[in-house]
């Protein structure tokens, strides 16, 4: 296999023996959020370091942004901040609960790696909106051949 896309935690837990025996070689990582590197891959260069232009960096930022909302709770515009805060606090408490974490791991086969609402909100706010980057992202996400660099 030449490339694979999964969460770092899942790769680390599912390939522990191969990683420990140095049977697999990782060349780069795309951390989500940007500075949240998994300890097993902390020494790898960030994928964006291979970008040859600002457009390519923004394209990778778009891709990273779409990795944030794994199971988001969405509220309509104008939802009172107190209600949003109540839900955010309840989610934080749920993911901090050892029983919840154990059940999550049992059902999902991996540790929970939640992204908090503030980080998700920031990612959406910072999402590149350049038409040329969005067009390129759509091209890459579609069925057609990839464009040349």
N, C-alpha and C. Protein backbone atom coordinates (compact mmCIF):
# COMPACT_ATOMS: atom_id res chain seq x y z
N UNK A 1 0.85 -1.18 0.00
CA UNK A 1 0.00 0.00 0.00
C UNK A 1 0.89 1.24 0.00
N UNK A 2 0.59 2.20 -0.84
CA UNK A 2 1.39 3.40 -0.95
C UNK A 2 0.90 4.52 -0.04
N UNK A 3 -0.39 4.58 0.21
CA UNK A 3 -0.92 5.66 1.04
C UNK A 3 -2.21 5.19 1.69
N UNK A 4 -2.51 5.83 2.80
CA UNK A 4 -3.72 5.46 3.53
C UNK A 4 -4.15 6.65 4.36
N UNK A 5 -5.45 6.79 4.55
CA UNK A 5 -5.97 7.89 5.33
C UNK A 5 -6.84 7.35 6.45
N UNK A 6 -6.39 7.52 7.67
CA UNK A 6 -7.11 7.11 8.89
C UNK A 6 -6.67 8.01 10.02
N UNK A 7 -7.37 7.90 11.13
CA UNK A 7 -6.93 8.67 12.29
C UNK A 7 -5.62 8.09 12.79
N UNK A 8 -4.79 8.93 13.33
CA UNK A 8 -3.48 8.49 13.84
C UNK A 8 -3.66 7.46 14.94
N UNK A 9 -4.64 7.65 15.81
CA UNK A 9 -4.88 6.70 16.90
C UNK A 9 -5.22 5.33 16.36
N UNK A 10 -6.04 5.28 15.33
CA UNK A 10 -6.43 3.99 14.76
C UNK A 10 -5.23 3.33 14.08
N UNK A 11 -4.43 4.09 13.36
CA UNK A 11 -3.24 3.52 12.72
C UNK A 11 -2.28 2.99 13.79
N UNK A 12 -2.05 3.78 14.83
CA UNK A 12 -1.12 3.38 15.89
C UNK A 12 -1.60 2.13 16.62
N UNK A 13 -2.88 2.06 16.96
CA UNK A 13 -3.38 0.90 17.71
C UNK A 13 -3.53 -0.32 16.83
N UNK A 14 -3.90 -0.15 15.58
CA UNK A 14 -4.11 -1.28 14.69
C UNK A 14 -2.84 -1.84 14.07
N UNK A 15 -1.74 -1.12 14.19
CA UNK A 15 -0.49 -1.55 13.57
C UNK A 15 0.67 -1.49 14.55
N UNK A 16 0.36 -1.61 15.81
CA UNK A 16 1.38 -1.44 16.86
C UNK A 16 2.61 -2.32 16.62
N UNK A 17 2.40 -3.60 16.34
CA UNK A 17 3.53 -4.52 16.15
C UNK A 17 4.36 -4.13 14.93
N UNK A 18 3.70 -3.81 13.83
CA UNK A 18 4.42 -3.41 12.62
C UNK A 18 5.22 -2.13 12.84
N UNK A 19 4.64 -1.20 13.60
CA UNK A 19 5.34 0.06 13.88
C UNK A 19 6.54 -0.21 14.77
N UNK A 20 6.34 -1.02 15.82
CA UNK A 20 7.43 -1.32 16.75
C UNK A 20 8.58 -2.06 16.06
N UNK A 21 8.25 -2.92 15.09
CA UNK A 21 9.27 -3.69 14.37
C UNK A 21 9.81 -2.92 13.15
N UNK A 22 9.35 -1.68 12.98
CA UNK A 22 9.80 -0.83 11.87
C UNK A 22 9.52 -1.48 10.51
N UNK A 23 8.35 -2.12 10.39
CA UNK A 23 7.96 -2.77 9.15
C UNK A 23 7.17 -1.83 8.24
N UNK A 24 6.73 -0.73 8.78
CA UNK A 24 6.01 0.27 7.99
C UNK A 24 6.74 1.59 8.10
N UNK A 25 6.63 2.37 7.08
CA UNK A 25 7.33 3.66 7.05
C UNK A 25 6.33 4.77 6.76
N UNK A 26 6.26 5.70 7.65
CA UNK A 26 5.38 6.85 7.49
C UNK A 26 6.22 8.04 7.09
N UNK A 27 5.70 8.82 6.16
CA UNK A 27 6.48 9.93 5.62
C UNK A 27 5.96 11.31 5.99
N UNK A 28 4.67 11.39 6.32
CA UNK A 28 4.08 12.68 6.67
C UNK A 28 2.78 12.44 7.41
N UNK A 29 2.30 13.46 8.08
CA UNK A 29 1.02 13.39 8.78
C UNK A 29 0.27 14.69 8.60
N UNK A 30 -1.02 14.59 8.62
CA UNK A 30 -1.88 15.77 8.58
C UNK A 30 -2.65 15.78 9.90
N UNK A 31 -2.17 16.58 10.83
CA UNK A 31 -2.77 16.62 12.17
C UNK A 31 -4.06 17.41 12.16
N UNK A 32 -5.05 16.89 12.89
CA UNK A 32 -6.34 17.56 13.04
C UNK A 32 -6.68 17.56 14.52
N UNK A 33 -6.75 18.74 15.14
CA UNK A 33 -6.39 20.07 14.69
C UNK A 33 -4.91 20.17 14.30
N UNK A 34 -4.55 21.26 13.68
CA UNK A 34 -3.24 21.40 13.05
C UNK A 34 -2.08 21.08 13.98
N UNK A 35 -2.15 21.41 15.23
CA UNK A 35 -1.01 21.19 16.14
C UNK A 35 -1.21 20.00 17.07
N UNK A 36 -2.20 19.16 16.80
CA UNK A 36 -2.50 18.02 17.67
C UNK A 36 -1.89 16.74 17.11
N UNK A 37 -0.58 16.65 17.14
CA UNK A 37 0.10 15.47 16.61
C UNK A 37 0.01 14.30 17.58
N UNK A 38 -0.33 13.14 17.06
CA UNK A 38 -0.37 11.92 17.86
C UNK A 38 1.07 11.60 18.27
N UNK A 39 1.30 11.18 19.52
CA UNK A 39 2.67 10.90 19.97
C UNK A 39 3.44 9.93 19.07
N UNK A 40 2.76 8.95 18.50
CA UNK A 40 3.45 7.98 17.64
C UNK A 40 3.97 8.59 16.35
N UNK A 41 3.42 9.75 15.98
CA UNK A 41 3.78 10.35 14.69
C UNK A 41 4.26 11.79 14.84
N UNK A 42 4.63 12.16 16.05
CA UNK A 42 5.01 13.55 16.33
C UNK A 42 6.25 14.01 15.57
N UNK A 43 7.12 13.08 15.21
CA UNK A 43 8.36 13.46 14.52
C UNK A 43 8.18 13.55 13.00
N UNK A 44 7.02 13.16 12.50
CA UNK A 44 6.79 13.22 11.06
C UNK A 44 6.56 14.67 10.62
N UNK A 45 6.99 15.00 9.42
CA UNK A 45 6.69 16.35 8.92
C UNK A 45 5.20 16.49 8.63
N UNK A 46 4.72 17.69 8.80
CA UNK A 46 3.34 18.02 8.47
C UNK A 46 3.19 17.94 6.95
N UNK A 47 2.09 17.35 6.49
CA UNK A 47 1.87 17.18 5.06
C UNK A 47 1.96 18.51 4.31
N UNK A 48 1.51 19.58 4.96
CA UNK A 48 1.55 20.88 4.29
C UNK A 48 2.97 21.35 3.99
N UNK A 49 3.97 20.77 4.65
CA UNK A 49 5.36 21.18 4.36
C UNK A 49 5.80 20.75 2.96
N UNK A 50 5.04 19.86 2.33
CA UNK A 50 5.36 19.42 0.97
C UNK A 50 4.64 20.24 -0.09
N UNK A 51 3.76 21.13 0.33
CA UNK A 51 3.04 21.97 -0.62
C UNK A 51 4.03 22.88 -1.35
N UNK A 52 3.82 23.02 -2.64
CA UNK A 52 4.73 23.84 -3.44
C UNK A 52 4.22 25.26 -3.67
N UNK A 53 3.03 25.55 -3.20
CA UNK A 53 2.49 26.88 -3.39
C UNK A 53 1.49 27.18 -2.28
N UNK A 54 1.14 28.42 -2.16
CA UNK A 54 0.13 28.83 -1.17
C UNK A 54 -1.21 28.19 -1.51
N UNK A 55 -1.51 28.06 -2.79
CA UNK A 55 -2.76 27.42 -3.21
C UNK A 55 -2.81 25.97 -2.72
N UNK A 56 -1.71 25.24 -2.82
CA UNK A 56 -1.67 23.86 -2.35
C UNK A 56 -1.82 23.80 -0.82
N UNK A 57 -1.22 24.75 -0.10
CA UNK A 57 -1.38 24.79 1.36
C UNK A 57 -2.84 25.04 1.74
N UNK A 58 -3.48 25.96 1.03
CA UNK A 58 -4.89 26.25 1.31
C UNK A 58 -5.77 25.04 0.98
N UNK A 59 -5.41 24.32 -0.08
CA UNK A 59 -6.14 23.11 -0.44
C UNK A 59 -6.06 22.08 0.69
N UNK A 60 -4.88 21.89 1.24
CA UNK A 60 -4.72 20.97 2.37
C UNK A 60 -5.46 21.47 3.61
N UNK A 61 -5.53 22.79 3.78
CA UNK A 61 -6.30 23.35 4.90
C UNK A 61 -7.79 23.04 4.73
N UNK A 62 -8.28 23.09 3.49
CA UNK A 62 -9.68 22.73 3.24
C UNK A 62 -9.90 21.27 3.61
N UNK A 63 -8.99 20.41 3.14
CA UNK A 63 -9.11 18.99 3.45
C UNK A 63 -9.09 18.76 4.96
N UNK A 64 -8.16 19.41 5.66
CA UNK A 64 -8.07 19.26 7.12
C UNK A 64 -9.37 19.72 7.77
N UNK A 65 -9.93 20.81 7.31
CA UNK A 65 -11.16 21.34 7.91
C UNK A 65 -12.30 20.34 7.80
N UNK A 66 -12.34 19.58 6.71
CA UNK A 66 -13.40 18.60 6.56
C UNK A 66 -13.19 17.38 7.44
N UNK A 67 -12.03 17.26 8.06
CA UNK A 67 -11.77 16.15 8.97
C UNK A 67 -12.24 16.45 10.39
N UNK A 68 -12.47 17.71 10.72
CA UNK A 68 -12.88 18.09 12.07
C UNK A 68 -14.23 17.51 12.49
N UNK A 69 -15.27 17.79 11.74
CA UNK A 69 -16.60 17.45 12.27
C UNK A 69 -16.95 15.98 12.11
N UNK A 70 -16.36 15.14 12.94
CA UNK A 70 -16.64 13.70 12.83
C UNK A 70 -18.10 13.41 13.16
N UNK A 71 -18.59 13.86 14.28
CA UNK A 71 -19.98 13.68 14.67
C UNK A 71 -20.46 15.00 15.26
N UNK A 72 -20.61 16.01 14.44
CA UNK A 72 -20.95 17.32 15.01
C UNK A 72 -22.42 17.41 15.43
N UNK A 73 -22.61 18.25 16.40
CA UNK A 73 -23.96 18.66 16.76
C UNK A 73 -24.11 20.06 16.20
N UNK A 74 -25.09 20.23 15.34
CA UNK A 74 -25.27 21.51 14.68
C UNK A 74 -26.49 22.21 15.24
N UNK A 75 -26.35 23.51 15.42
CA UNK A 75 -27.44 24.33 15.91
C UNK A 75 -27.74 25.40 14.87
N UNK A 76 -28.99 25.80 14.77
CA UNK A 76 -29.32 26.85 13.81
C UNK A 76 -28.74 28.19 14.25
N UNK A 77 -28.53 29.09 13.30
CA UNK A 77 -28.05 30.43 13.67
C UNK A 77 -29.00 31.05 14.70
N UNK A 78 -28.43 31.77 15.63
CA UNK A 78 -29.23 32.45 16.64
C UNK A 78 -29.53 31.61 17.87
N UNK A 79 -29.02 30.38 17.93
CA UNK A 79 -29.21 29.56 19.13
C UNK A 79 -28.54 30.29 20.30
N UNK A 80 -29.25 30.46 21.40
CA UNK A 80 -28.65 31.17 22.55
C UNK A 80 -27.33 30.53 22.99
N UNK A 81 -26.35 31.39 23.26
CA UNK A 81 -25.02 30.92 23.64
C UNK A 81 -25.06 30.04 24.88
N UNK A 82 -26.00 30.32 25.80
CA UNK A 82 -26.08 29.50 27.02
C UNK A 82 -26.41 28.06 26.67
N UNK A 83 -27.31 27.85 25.71
CA UNK A 83 -27.69 26.48 25.32
C UNK A 83 -26.53 25.77 24.65
N UNK A 84 -25.82 26.49 23.79
CA UNK A 84 -24.64 25.90 23.15
C UNK A 84 -23.62 25.52 24.22
N UNK A 85 -23.42 26.40 25.18
CA UNK A 85 -22.49 26.13 26.28
C UNK A 85 -22.87 24.92 27.10
N UNK A 86 -24.17 24.74 27.34
CA UNK A 86 -24.64 23.58 28.10
C UNK A 86 -24.31 22.29 27.35
N UNK A 87 -24.56 22.26 26.06
CA UNK A 87 -24.28 21.06 25.26
C UNK A 87 -22.78 20.81 25.19
N UNK A 88 -21.99 21.86 25.00
CA UNK A 88 -20.54 21.69 24.95
C UNK A 88 -20.00 21.12 26.26
N UNK A 89 -20.49 21.62 27.37
CA UNK A 89 -20.04 21.12 28.67
C UNK A 89 -20.46 19.68 28.87
N UNK A 90 -21.67 19.34 28.46
CA UNK A 90 -22.15 17.95 28.58
C UNK A 90 -21.28 17.02 27.74
N UNK A 91 -20.89 17.45 26.54
CA UNK A 91 -20.03 16.62 25.69
C UNK A 91 -18.66 16.45 26.33
N UNK A 92 -18.10 17.54 26.87
CA UNK A 92 -16.80 17.45 27.54
C UNK A 92 -16.86 16.44 28.69
N UNK A 93 -17.91 16.53 29.50
CA UNK A 93 -18.07 15.62 30.64
C UNK A 93 -18.24 14.18 30.17
N UNK A 94 -19.00 13.98 29.09
CA UNK A 94 -19.20 12.62 28.57
C UNK A 94 -17.88 12.00 28.15
N UNK A 95 -17.09 12.73 27.40
CA UNK A 95 -15.83 12.18 26.91
C UNK A 95 -14.79 12.04 28.02
N UNK A 96 -14.96 12.75 29.13
CA UNK A 96 -14.05 12.63 30.26
C UNK A 96 -14.44 11.47 31.19
N UNK A 97 -15.64 10.95 31.03
CA UNK A 97 -16.14 9.88 31.88
C UNK A 97 -15.48 8.55 31.50
N UNK A 98 -14.80 7.89 32.44
CA UNK A 98 -14.10 6.63 32.12
C UNK A 98 -15.04 5.53 31.60
N UNK A 99 -16.26 5.45 32.13
CA UNK A 99 -17.21 4.44 31.66
C UNK A 99 -17.61 4.71 30.20
N UNK A 100 -17.84 5.97 29.89
CA UNK A 100 -18.18 6.33 28.51
C UNK A 100 -17.02 5.97 27.58
N UNK A 101 -15.80 6.32 28.01
CA UNK A 101 -14.62 6.04 27.18
C UNK A 101 -14.46 4.54 26.93
N UNK A 102 -14.68 3.74 27.95
CA UNK A 102 -14.56 2.28 27.81
C UNK A 102 -15.62 1.74 26.85
N UNK A 103 -16.84 2.22 26.98
CA UNK A 103 -17.92 1.77 26.10
C UNK A 103 -17.67 2.23 24.66
N UNK A 104 -17.19 3.45 24.51
CA UNK A 104 -16.86 3.98 23.19
C UNK A 104 -15.82 3.08 22.52
N UNK A 105 -14.76 2.77 23.24
CA UNK A 105 -13.70 1.93 22.69
C UNK A 105 -14.21 0.54 22.33
N UNK A 106 -15.08 0.00 23.18
CA UNK A 106 -15.64 -1.32 22.92
C UNK A 106 -16.47 -1.31 21.63
N UNK A 107 -17.28 -0.29 21.46
CA UNK A 107 -18.16 -0.21 20.29
C UNK A 107 -17.44 0.21 19.02
N UNK A 108 -16.48 1.12 19.15
CA UNK A 108 -15.83 1.70 17.97
C UNK A 108 -14.47 1.08 17.66
N UNK A 109 -13.89 0.37 18.61
CA UNK A 109 -12.59 -0.24 18.39
C UNK A 109 -11.44 0.73 18.48
N UNK A 110 -11.68 1.90 19.02
CA UNK A 110 -10.64 2.92 19.11
C UNK A 110 -10.99 3.88 20.23
N UNK A 111 -9.97 4.57 20.74
CA UNK A 111 -10.23 5.60 21.74
C UNK A 111 -10.93 6.78 21.09
N UNK A 112 -11.77 7.42 21.86
CA UNK A 112 -12.42 8.64 21.38
C UNK A 112 -11.39 9.75 21.26
N UNK A 113 -11.48 10.53 20.21
CA UNK A 113 -10.58 11.67 20.02
C UNK A 113 -11.44 12.87 19.63
N UNK A 114 -12.25 13.34 20.57
CA UNK A 114 -13.18 14.42 20.22
C UNK A 114 -12.48 15.74 19.94
N UNK A 115 -13.09 16.50 19.08
CA UNK A 115 -12.66 17.86 18.81
C UNK A 115 -13.70 18.74 19.46
N UNK A 116 -13.26 19.66 20.32
CA UNK A 116 -14.25 20.46 21.04
C UNK A 116 -14.91 21.48 20.13
N UNK A 117 -16.04 21.97 20.58
CA UNK A 117 -16.84 22.90 19.78
C UNK A 117 -16.10 24.17 19.41
N UNK A 118 -15.27 24.66 20.30
CA UNK A 118 -14.52 25.88 20.02
C UNK A 118 -13.54 25.66 18.87
N UNK A 119 -12.85 24.49 18.87
CA UNK A 119 -11.91 24.20 17.78
C UNK A 119 -12.64 24.01 16.46
N UNK A 120 -13.79 23.35 16.49
CA UNK A 120 -14.57 23.15 15.29
C UNK A 120 -15.07 24.49 14.74
N UNK A 121 -15.55 25.32 15.62
CA UNK A 121 -16.03 26.65 15.22
C UNK A 121 -14.90 27.46 14.57
N UNK A 122 -13.71 27.41 15.18
CA UNK A 122 -12.55 28.12 14.63
C UNK A 122 -12.18 27.56 13.25
N UNK A 123 -12.20 26.24 13.11
CA UNK A 123 -11.86 25.61 11.82
C UNK A 123 -12.81 26.06 10.73
N UNK A 124 -14.09 26.14 11.05
CA UNK A 124 -15.08 26.58 10.06
C UNK A 124 -14.85 28.05 9.71
N UNK A 125 -14.57 28.86 10.72
CA UNK A 125 -14.32 30.28 10.48
C UNK A 125 -13.09 30.49 9.59
N UNK A 126 -12.05 29.64 9.79
CA UNK A 126 -10.79 29.79 9.06
C UNK A 126 -10.76 29.00 7.75
N UNK A 127 -11.83 28.31 7.41
CA UNK A 127 -11.89 27.51 6.20
C UNK A 127 -11.61 28.39 4.98
N UNK A 128 -10.60 28.02 4.18
CA UNK A 128 -10.32 28.81 2.98
C UNK A 128 -11.55 28.84 2.07
N UNK A 129 -11.84 30.00 1.55
CA UNK A 129 -13.01 30.16 0.69
C UNK A 129 -12.66 30.68 -0.70
N UNK A 130 -11.38 30.61 -1.04
CA UNK A 130 -10.95 31.07 -2.36
C UNK A 130 -11.61 30.22 -3.43
N UNK A 131 -12.26 30.83 -4.41
CA UNK A 131 -12.93 30.04 -5.46
C UNK A 131 -11.99 29.06 -6.17
N UNK A 132 -10.74 29.47 -6.44
CA UNK A 132 -9.83 28.57 -7.14
C UNK A 132 -9.44 27.37 -6.28
N UNK A 133 -9.33 27.55 -4.97
CA UNK A 133 -9.01 26.44 -4.07
C UNK A 133 -10.21 25.50 -3.97
N UNK A 134 -11.40 26.05 -3.85
CA UNK A 134 -12.62 25.23 -3.77
C UNK A 134 -12.80 24.44 -5.06
N UNK A 135 -12.56 25.08 -6.19
CA UNK A 135 -12.67 24.40 -7.49
C UNK A 135 -11.67 23.24 -7.56
N UNK A 136 -10.45 23.46 -7.13
CA UNK A 136 -9.42 22.42 -7.14
C UNK A 136 -9.80 21.29 -6.18
N UNK A 137 -10.30 21.63 -4.99
CA UNK A 137 -10.73 20.61 -4.04
C UNK A 137 -11.84 19.75 -4.65
N UNK A 138 -12.82 20.38 -5.27
CA UNK A 138 -13.91 19.63 -5.90
C UNK A 138 -13.39 18.71 -7.00
N UNK A 139 -12.42 19.18 -7.75
CA UNK A 139 -11.81 18.36 -8.81
C UNK A 139 -11.12 17.15 -8.19
N UNK A 140 -10.37 17.37 -7.12
CA UNK A 140 -9.65 16.26 -6.48
C UNK A 140 -10.59 15.30 -5.78
N UNK A 141 -11.71 15.77 -5.29
CA UNK A 141 -12.66 14.91 -4.59
C UNK A 141 -13.57 14.17 -5.57
N UNK A 142 -13.56 14.57 -6.83
CA UNK A 142 -14.43 13.97 -7.83
C UNK A 142 -13.82 12.77 -8.51
N UNK A 143 -14.53 12.24 -9.50
CA UNK A 143 -14.10 11.00 -10.17
C UNK A 143 -13.07 11.20 -11.29
N UNK A 144 -12.82 12.43 -11.69
CA UNK A 144 -11.94 12.68 -12.82
C UNK A 144 -10.48 12.52 -12.44
N UNK A 145 -9.62 12.49 -13.45
CA UNK A 145 -8.16 12.43 -13.22
C UNK A 145 -7.72 13.66 -12.46
N UNK A 146 -6.70 13.49 -11.64
CA UNK A 146 -6.17 14.61 -10.87
C UNK A 146 -5.43 15.56 -11.80
N UNK A 147 -5.53 16.84 -11.51
CA UNK A 147 -4.81 17.81 -12.34
C UNK A 147 -3.31 17.75 -12.06
N UNK A 148 -2.51 18.13 -13.02
CA UNK A 148 -1.07 18.15 -12.80
C UNK A 148 -0.73 19.35 -11.94
N UNK A 149 0.41 19.28 -11.30
CA UNK A 149 0.84 20.40 -10.45
C UNK A 149 1.25 21.52 -11.34
